[in-house]
N, C-alpha and C. Protein backbone atom coordinates (compact mmCIF):
# COMPACT_ATOMS: atom_id res chain seq x y z
N UNK A 1 0.84 -1.18 0.00
CA UNK A 1 0.00 0.00 0.00
C UNK A 1 0.88 1.25 0.00
N UNK A 2 0.57 2.17 -0.89
CA UNK A 2 1.30 3.44 -0.97
C UNK A 2 0.82 4.39 0.12
N UNK A 3 1.71 5.26 0.60
CA UNK A 3 1.29 6.25 1.59
C UNK A 3 0.34 7.27 0.94
N UNK A 4 -0.44 7.93 1.74
CA UNK A 4 -1.39 8.94 1.26
C UNK A 4 -0.62 10.13 0.71
N UNK A 5 -1.01 10.57 -0.50
CA UNK A 5 -0.33 11.66 -1.18
C UNK A 5 -1.35 12.51 -1.92
N UNK A 6 -0.95 13.73 -2.23
CA UNK A 6 -1.75 14.57 -3.12
C UNK A 6 -0.82 15.30 -4.06
N UNK A 7 -1.33 15.67 -5.23
CA UNK A 7 -0.48 16.32 -6.20
C UNK A 7 -1.13 16.45 -7.55
N UNK A 8 -0.30 16.52 -8.59
CA UNK A 8 -0.77 16.71 -9.96
C UNK A 8 -0.28 15.56 -10.83
N UNK A 9 -0.98 15.39 -11.97
CA UNK A 9 -0.58 14.32 -12.89
C UNK A 9 -0.92 14.69 -14.32
N UNK A 10 -0.22 14.05 -15.23
CA UNK A 10 -0.46 14.12 -16.67
C UNK A 10 -0.57 12.70 -17.17
N UNK A 11 -1.42 12.47 -18.15
CA UNK A 11 -1.54 11.16 -18.77
C UNK A 11 -0.95 11.27 -20.17
N UNK A 12 0.19 10.63 -20.36
CA UNK A 12 0.91 10.72 -21.63
C UNK A 12 0.43 9.69 -22.64
N UNK A 13 -0.25 8.65 -22.17
CA UNK A 13 -0.85 7.64 -23.05
C UNK A 13 -2.13 7.16 -22.39
N UNK A 14 -3.26 7.58 -22.91
CA UNK A 14 -4.55 7.27 -22.30
C UNK A 14 -4.86 5.78 -22.35
N UNK A 15 -4.47 5.10 -23.41
CA UNK A 15 -4.82 3.69 -23.57
C UNK A 15 -4.07 2.78 -22.60
N UNK A 16 -2.82 3.11 -22.27
CA UNK A 16 -2.00 2.21 -21.45
C UNK A 16 -2.42 2.11 -19.99
N UNK A 17 -2.72 3.02 -19.20
CA UNK A 17 -2.35 4.43 -19.27
C UNK A 17 -0.95 4.68 -18.69
N UNK A 18 -0.24 5.56 -19.35
CA UNK A 18 1.08 5.99 -18.86
C UNK A 18 0.91 7.39 -18.27
N UNK A 19 1.55 7.60 -17.12
CA UNK A 19 1.35 8.87 -16.42
C UNK A 19 2.65 9.45 -15.89
N UNK A 20 2.60 10.75 -15.69
CA UNK A 20 3.62 11.46 -14.92
C UNK A 20 2.89 11.98 -13.70
N UNK A 21 3.35 11.60 -12.51
CA UNK A 21 2.70 12.03 -11.28
C UNK A 21 3.74 12.71 -10.40
N UNK A 22 3.40 13.89 -9.91
CA UNK A 22 4.24 14.60 -8.96
C UNK A 22 3.37 14.85 -7.74
N UNK A 23 3.79 14.32 -6.60
CA UNK A 23 2.96 14.39 -5.41
C UNK A 23 3.83 14.46 -4.16
N UNK A 24 3.17 14.72 -3.06
CA UNK A 24 3.85 14.75 -1.77
C UNK A 24 2.96 14.07 -0.74
N UNK A 25 3.60 13.41 0.20
CA UNK A 25 2.88 12.73 1.26
C UNK A 25 2.13 13.76 2.12
N UNK A 26 0.92 13.37 2.53
CA UNK A 26 0.10 14.28 3.33
C UNK A 26 -0.69 13.50 4.37
N UNK A 27 -1.33 14.23 5.28
CA UNK A 27 -2.21 13.59 6.26
C UNK A 27 -3.65 13.62 5.71
N UNK A 28 -4.61 13.10 6.48
CA UNK A 28 -5.97 13.01 5.96
C UNK A 28 -6.67 14.37 5.87
N UNK A 29 -6.05 15.40 6.42
CA UNK A 29 -6.57 16.76 6.25
C UNK A 29 -6.02 17.41 4.97
N UNK A 30 -5.03 16.75 4.35
CA UNK A 30 -4.41 17.30 3.15
C UNK A 30 -3.16 18.11 3.43
N UNK A 31 -2.74 18.17 4.69
CA UNK A 31 -1.52 18.91 5.04
C UNK A 31 -0.29 18.13 4.60
N UNK A 32 0.62 18.80 3.92
CA UNK A 32 1.86 18.15 3.51
C UNK A 32 2.64 17.71 4.75
N UNK A 33 3.21 16.51 4.70
CA UNK A 33 4.05 16.03 5.80
C UNK A 33 5.48 16.51 5.63
N UNK A 34 5.87 16.76 4.41
CA UNK A 34 7.16 17.39 4.09
C UNK A 34 6.88 18.40 2.99
N UNK A 35 7.32 19.61 3.17
CA UNK A 35 7.00 20.67 2.22
C UNK A 35 7.68 20.42 0.87
N UNK A 36 6.89 20.38 -0.22
CA UNK A 36 7.48 20.23 -1.56
C UNK A 36 8.30 21.47 -1.93
N UNK A 37 9.13 21.32 -2.93
CA UNK A 37 9.95 22.44 -3.41
C UNK A 37 9.04 23.60 -3.81
N UNK A 38 9.36 24.79 -3.35
CA UNK A 38 8.50 25.95 -3.58
C UNK A 38 8.36 26.30 -5.05
N UNK A 39 9.34 25.96 -5.88
CA UNK A 39 9.22 26.29 -7.30
C UNK A 39 8.13 25.48 -8.00
N UNK A 40 7.59 24.46 -7.34
CA UNK A 40 6.51 23.66 -7.93
C UNK A 40 5.13 24.04 -7.41
N UNK A 41 5.08 24.98 -6.48
CA UNK A 41 3.81 25.31 -5.85
C UNK A 41 3.21 26.60 -6.38
N UNK A 42 1.90 26.71 -6.25
CA UNK A 42 1.19 27.94 -6.60
C UNK A 42 1.64 29.04 -5.65
N UNK A 43 1.27 30.26 -5.97
CA UNK A 43 1.66 31.40 -5.14
C UNK A 43 1.21 31.26 -3.70
N UNK A 44 0.08 30.57 -3.46
CA UNK A 44 -0.40 30.41 -2.09
C UNK A 44 0.42 29.40 -1.29
N UNK A 45 1.30 28.65 -1.96
CA UNK A 45 2.17 27.69 -1.29
C UNK A 45 1.48 26.44 -0.81
N UNK A 46 0.20 26.29 -1.15
CA UNK A 46 -0.58 25.15 -0.64
C UNK A 46 -0.88 24.09 -1.69
N UNK A 47 -0.76 24.42 -2.96
CA UNK A 47 -1.12 23.49 -4.03
C UNK A 47 0.00 23.42 -5.06
N UNK A 48 0.16 22.25 -5.66
CA UNK A 48 1.06 22.14 -6.80
C UNK A 48 0.48 22.95 -7.96
N UNK A 49 1.35 23.51 -8.77
CA UNK A 49 0.96 24.26 -9.95
C UNK A 49 1.46 23.50 -11.17
N UNK A 50 0.56 23.08 -12.06
CA UNK A 50 0.95 22.27 -13.22
C UNK A 50 2.08 22.91 -14.02
N UNK A 51 1.94 24.17 -14.34
CA UNK A 51 2.94 24.84 -15.18
C UNK A 51 4.30 24.89 -14.48
N UNK A 52 4.31 25.23 -13.21
CA UNK A 52 5.58 25.32 -12.48
C UNK A 52 6.23 23.95 -12.31
N UNK A 53 5.42 22.93 -12.05
CA UNK A 53 5.98 21.58 -11.94
C UNK A 53 6.58 21.18 -13.28
N UNK A 54 5.85 21.40 -14.37
CA UNK A 54 6.32 21.02 -15.71
C UNK A 54 7.65 21.69 -16.04
N UNK A 55 7.82 22.92 -15.62
CA UNK A 55 9.05 23.66 -15.90
C UNK A 55 10.27 23.05 -15.21
N UNK A 56 10.06 22.17 -14.22
CA UNK A 56 11.19 21.51 -13.56
C UNK A 56 11.67 20.29 -14.35
N UNK A 57 10.91 19.89 -15.38
CA UNK A 57 11.27 18.74 -16.21
C UNK A 57 12.09 19.21 -17.42
N UNK A 58 12.81 18.29 -18.00
CA UNK A 58 13.53 18.56 -19.26
C UNK A 58 12.70 17.94 -20.39
N UNK A 59 11.62 18.60 -20.74
CA UNK A 59 10.72 18.09 -21.78
C UNK A 59 10.48 19.20 -22.79
N UNK A 60 10.30 18.81 -24.05
CA UNK A 60 10.07 19.80 -25.09
C UNK A 60 8.61 20.23 -25.19
N UNK A 61 7.67 19.39 -24.73
CA UNK A 61 6.26 19.74 -24.81
C UNK A 61 5.91 20.81 -23.78
N UNK A 62 4.85 21.57 -24.06
CA UNK A 62 4.36 22.54 -23.09
C UNK A 62 3.58 21.81 -22.00
N UNK A 63 3.40 22.47 -20.87
CA UNK A 63 2.72 21.84 -19.72
C UNK A 63 1.30 21.40 -20.04
N UNK A 64 0.67 22.04 -21.03
CA UNK A 64 -0.71 21.70 -21.37
C UNK A 64 -0.81 20.82 -22.62
N UNK A 65 0.29 20.16 -22.97
CA UNK A 65 0.28 19.26 -24.12
C UNK A 65 -0.57 18.01 -23.83
N UNK A 66 -0.39 17.43 -22.66
CA UNK A 66 -1.10 16.20 -22.26
C UNK A 66 -2.30 16.55 -21.37
N UNK A 67 -3.34 15.73 -21.39
CA UNK A 67 -4.44 15.95 -20.44
C UNK A 67 -3.92 15.75 -19.02
N UNK A 68 -4.47 16.51 -18.10
CA UNK A 68 -3.91 16.52 -16.75
C UNK A 68 -4.99 16.60 -15.69
N UNK A 69 -4.54 16.43 -14.45
CA UNK A 69 -5.46 16.52 -13.33
C UNK A 69 -4.72 16.74 -12.03
N UNK A 70 -5.47 16.77 -10.95
CA UNK A 70 -4.88 16.95 -9.62
C UNK A 70 -5.70 16.20 -8.60
N UNK A 71 -5.08 15.91 -7.47
CA UNK A 71 -5.76 15.26 -6.36
C UNK A 71 -5.63 16.18 -5.15
N UNK A 72 -6.78 16.48 -4.56
CA UNK A 72 -6.82 17.25 -3.33
C UNK A 72 -7.44 16.37 -2.25
N UNK A 73 -7.04 16.62 -1.02
CA UNK A 73 -7.56 15.85 0.12
C UNK A 73 -7.96 16.83 1.21
N UNK A 74 -9.18 16.65 1.70
CA UNK A 74 -9.69 17.47 2.79
C UNK A 74 -10.54 16.59 3.70
N UNK A 75 -10.24 16.59 4.98
CA UNK A 75 -11.06 15.89 5.97
C UNK A 75 -11.31 14.42 5.62
N UNK A 76 -10.27 13.75 5.11
CA UNK A 76 -10.38 12.33 4.78
C UNK A 76 -11.10 12.04 3.48
N UNK A 77 -11.42 13.08 2.73
CA UNK A 77 -12.10 12.91 1.44
C UNK A 77 -11.17 13.35 0.32
N UNK A 78 -11.04 12.51 -0.69
CA UNK A 78 -10.18 12.82 -1.83
C UNK A 78 -11.04 13.28 -3.00
N UNK A 79 -10.54 14.29 -3.70
CA UNK A 79 -11.20 14.75 -4.92
C UNK A 79 -10.17 14.72 -6.03
N UNK A 80 -10.53 14.07 -7.12
CA UNK A 80 -9.68 14.01 -8.31
C UNK A 80 -10.31 14.94 -9.35
N UNK A 81 -9.63 16.03 -9.65
CA UNK A 81 -10.07 16.95 -10.69
C UNK A 81 -9.28 16.62 -11.94
N UNK A 82 -9.94 16.50 -13.08
CA UNK A 82 -9.20 16.18 -14.30
C UNK A 82 -10.01 16.51 -15.55
N UNK A 83 -9.29 16.55 -16.66
CA UNK A 83 -9.93 16.71 -17.95
C UNK A 83 -10.88 15.53 -18.14
N UNK A 84 -12.06 15.74 -18.72
CA UNK A 84 -13.04 14.67 -18.88
C UNK A 84 -12.52 13.42 -19.62
N UNK A 85 -11.55 13.55 -20.52
CA UNK A 85 -11.04 12.37 -21.23
C UNK A 85 -10.32 11.40 -20.30
N UNK A 86 -9.99 11.87 -19.09
CA UNK A 86 -9.27 11.03 -18.14
C UNK A 86 -10.19 10.29 -17.17
N UNK A 87 -11.46 10.50 -17.27
CA UNK A 87 -12.42 9.89 -16.33
C UNK A 87 -12.77 8.46 -16.75
N UNK A 88 -11.76 7.63 -16.85
CA UNK A 88 -11.97 6.22 -17.15
C UNK A 88 -11.62 5.41 -15.91
N UNK A 89 -12.20 4.23 -15.80
CA UNK A 89 -11.92 3.38 -14.65
C UNK A 89 -10.43 3.09 -14.51
N UNK A 90 -9.77 2.82 -15.66
CA UNK A 90 -8.33 2.48 -15.65
C UNK A 90 -7.48 3.62 -15.09
N UNK A 91 -7.75 4.83 -15.57
CA UNK A 91 -6.95 5.98 -15.16
C UNK A 91 -7.23 6.34 -13.70
N UNK A 92 -8.49 6.35 -13.33
CA UNK A 92 -8.83 6.69 -11.94
C UNK A 92 -8.24 5.65 -10.98
N UNK A 93 -8.27 4.37 -11.37
CA UNK A 93 -7.69 3.32 -10.52
C UNK A 93 -6.18 3.52 -10.37
N UNK A 94 -5.52 3.91 -11.45
CA UNK A 94 -4.06 4.11 -11.38
C UNK A 94 -3.72 5.30 -10.48
N UNK A 95 -4.47 6.38 -10.59
CA UNK A 95 -4.24 7.55 -9.73
C UNK A 95 -4.52 7.18 -8.28
N UNK A 96 -5.63 6.50 -8.05
CA UNK A 96 -6.03 6.10 -6.70
C UNK A 96 -4.95 5.24 -6.03
N UNK A 97 -4.42 4.28 -6.78
CA UNK A 97 -3.38 3.40 -6.24
C UNK A 97 -2.08 4.16 -6.00
N UNK A 98 -1.64 4.94 -6.98
CA UNK A 98 -0.36 5.65 -6.87
C UNK A 98 -0.34 6.63 -5.71
N UNK A 99 -1.49 7.23 -5.40
CA UNK A 99 -1.54 8.23 -4.35
C UNK A 99 -2.10 7.70 -3.04
N UNK A 100 -2.30 6.39 -2.96
CA UNK A 100 -2.71 5.77 -1.70
C UNK A 100 -4.08 6.22 -1.22
N UNK A 101 -5.00 6.45 -2.14
CA UNK A 101 -6.34 6.91 -1.79
C UNK A 101 -7.20 5.72 -1.41
N UNK A 102 -7.08 5.29 -0.15
CA UNK A 102 -7.78 4.09 0.30
C UNK A 102 -8.20 4.23 1.76
N UNK A 103 -9.11 3.37 2.18
CA UNK A 103 -9.60 3.42 3.56
C UNK A 103 -8.49 3.15 4.57
N UNK A 104 -7.52 2.31 4.21
CA UNK A 104 -6.40 2.03 5.12
C UNK A 104 -5.60 3.29 5.44
N UNK A 105 -5.63 4.27 4.54
CA UNK A 105 -4.94 5.54 4.76
C UNK A 105 -5.88 6.62 5.30
N UNK A 106 -7.10 6.23 5.65
CA UNK A 106 -8.04 7.19 6.23
C UNK A 106 -8.98 7.87 5.26
N UNK A 107 -8.94 7.48 3.99
CA UNK A 107 -9.82 8.10 3.00
C UNK A 107 -11.22 7.47 3.10
N UNK A 108 -12.22 8.32 3.29
CA UNK A 108 -13.60 7.83 3.44
C UNK A 108 -14.39 7.91 2.14
N UNK A 109 -13.95 8.77 1.20
CA UNK A 109 -14.64 8.84 -0.09
C UNK A 109 -13.70 9.43 -1.14
N UNK A 110 -13.98 9.07 -2.38
CA UNK A 110 -13.23 9.61 -3.52
C UNK A 110 -14.25 10.16 -4.51
N UNK A 111 -14.10 11.43 -4.83
CA UNK A 111 -14.98 12.08 -5.79
C UNK A 111 -14.16 12.41 -7.03
N UNK A 112 -14.70 12.14 -8.20
CA UNK A 112 -14.03 12.48 -9.45
C UNK A 112 -14.81 13.62 -10.11
N UNK A 113 -14.11 14.70 -10.41
CA UNK A 113 -14.72 15.86 -11.05
C UNK A 113 -14.17 15.98 -12.46
N UNK A 114 -15.02 15.75 -13.45
CA UNK A 114 -14.64 15.91 -14.86
C UNK A 114 -14.70 17.39 -15.17
N UNK A 115 -13.55 18.03 -15.18
CA UNK A 115 -13.49 19.48 -15.34
C UNK A 115 -13.16 19.83 -16.80
N UNK A 116 -14.17 20.26 -17.52
CA UNK A 116 -13.99 20.62 -18.92
C UNK A 116 -13.67 22.09 -19.12
N UNK A 117 -13.34 22.77 -18.04
CA UNK A 117 -13.04 24.20 -18.13
C UNK A 117 -11.70 24.44 -18.83
N UNK A 118 -11.44 25.69 -19.12
CA UNK A 118 -10.18 26.09 -19.77
C UNK A 118 -8.97 25.63 -18.95
N UNK A 119 -9.12 25.57 -17.64
CA UNK A 119 -8.01 25.21 -16.76
C UNK A 119 -7.40 23.85 -17.09
N UNK A 120 -8.21 22.89 -17.50
CA UNK A 120 -7.72 21.55 -17.78
C UNK A 120 -7.67 21.19 -19.27
N UNK A 121 -7.86 22.17 -20.14
CA UNK A 121 -7.76 21.90 -21.58
C UNK A 121 -6.32 21.53 -21.92
N UNK A 122 -6.18 20.69 -22.95
CA UNK A 122 -4.84 20.29 -23.40
C UNK A 122 -4.73 20.46 -24.89
N UNK A 123 -3.58 20.14 -25.46
CA UNK A 123 -3.24 20.50 -26.84
C UNK A 123 -4.28 20.12 -27.88
N UNK A 124 -4.91 18.97 -27.74
CA UNK A 124 -5.89 18.54 -28.75
C UNK A 124 -7.17 19.35 -28.67
N UNK A 125 -7.38 20.09 -27.59
CA UNK A 125 -8.59 20.87 -27.42
C UNK A 125 -8.36 22.37 -27.62
N UNK A 126 -7.11 22.79 -27.65
CA UNK A 126 -6.80 24.22 -27.74
C UNK A 126 -6.95 24.74 -29.16
């Protein structure tokens, strides 16, 4: 079982699915147990920022090339926000497993939000 984590992810191959996940261990309130590098966080210092995280990689694609999402945790409840193309059982299961979103880690529910807003648009939709 993986420890409880929250963070951001990109799916580089939807069919496989192959993913890039950047996360940090947290408690069931969503508080980081070890502070992630500040260059990867939003200005508020509380959430990973997709663009800033992507800039730490040596990749030629832009941060919004692949469909992406994030996992937030509050009060033992996990929420997976992602582009609607990622709302498949396979992808959600992989995210859930990789980030330890399970009852053994104190998670009481998992909600998936298919976010079709501009925030989660990727290259094929732009």
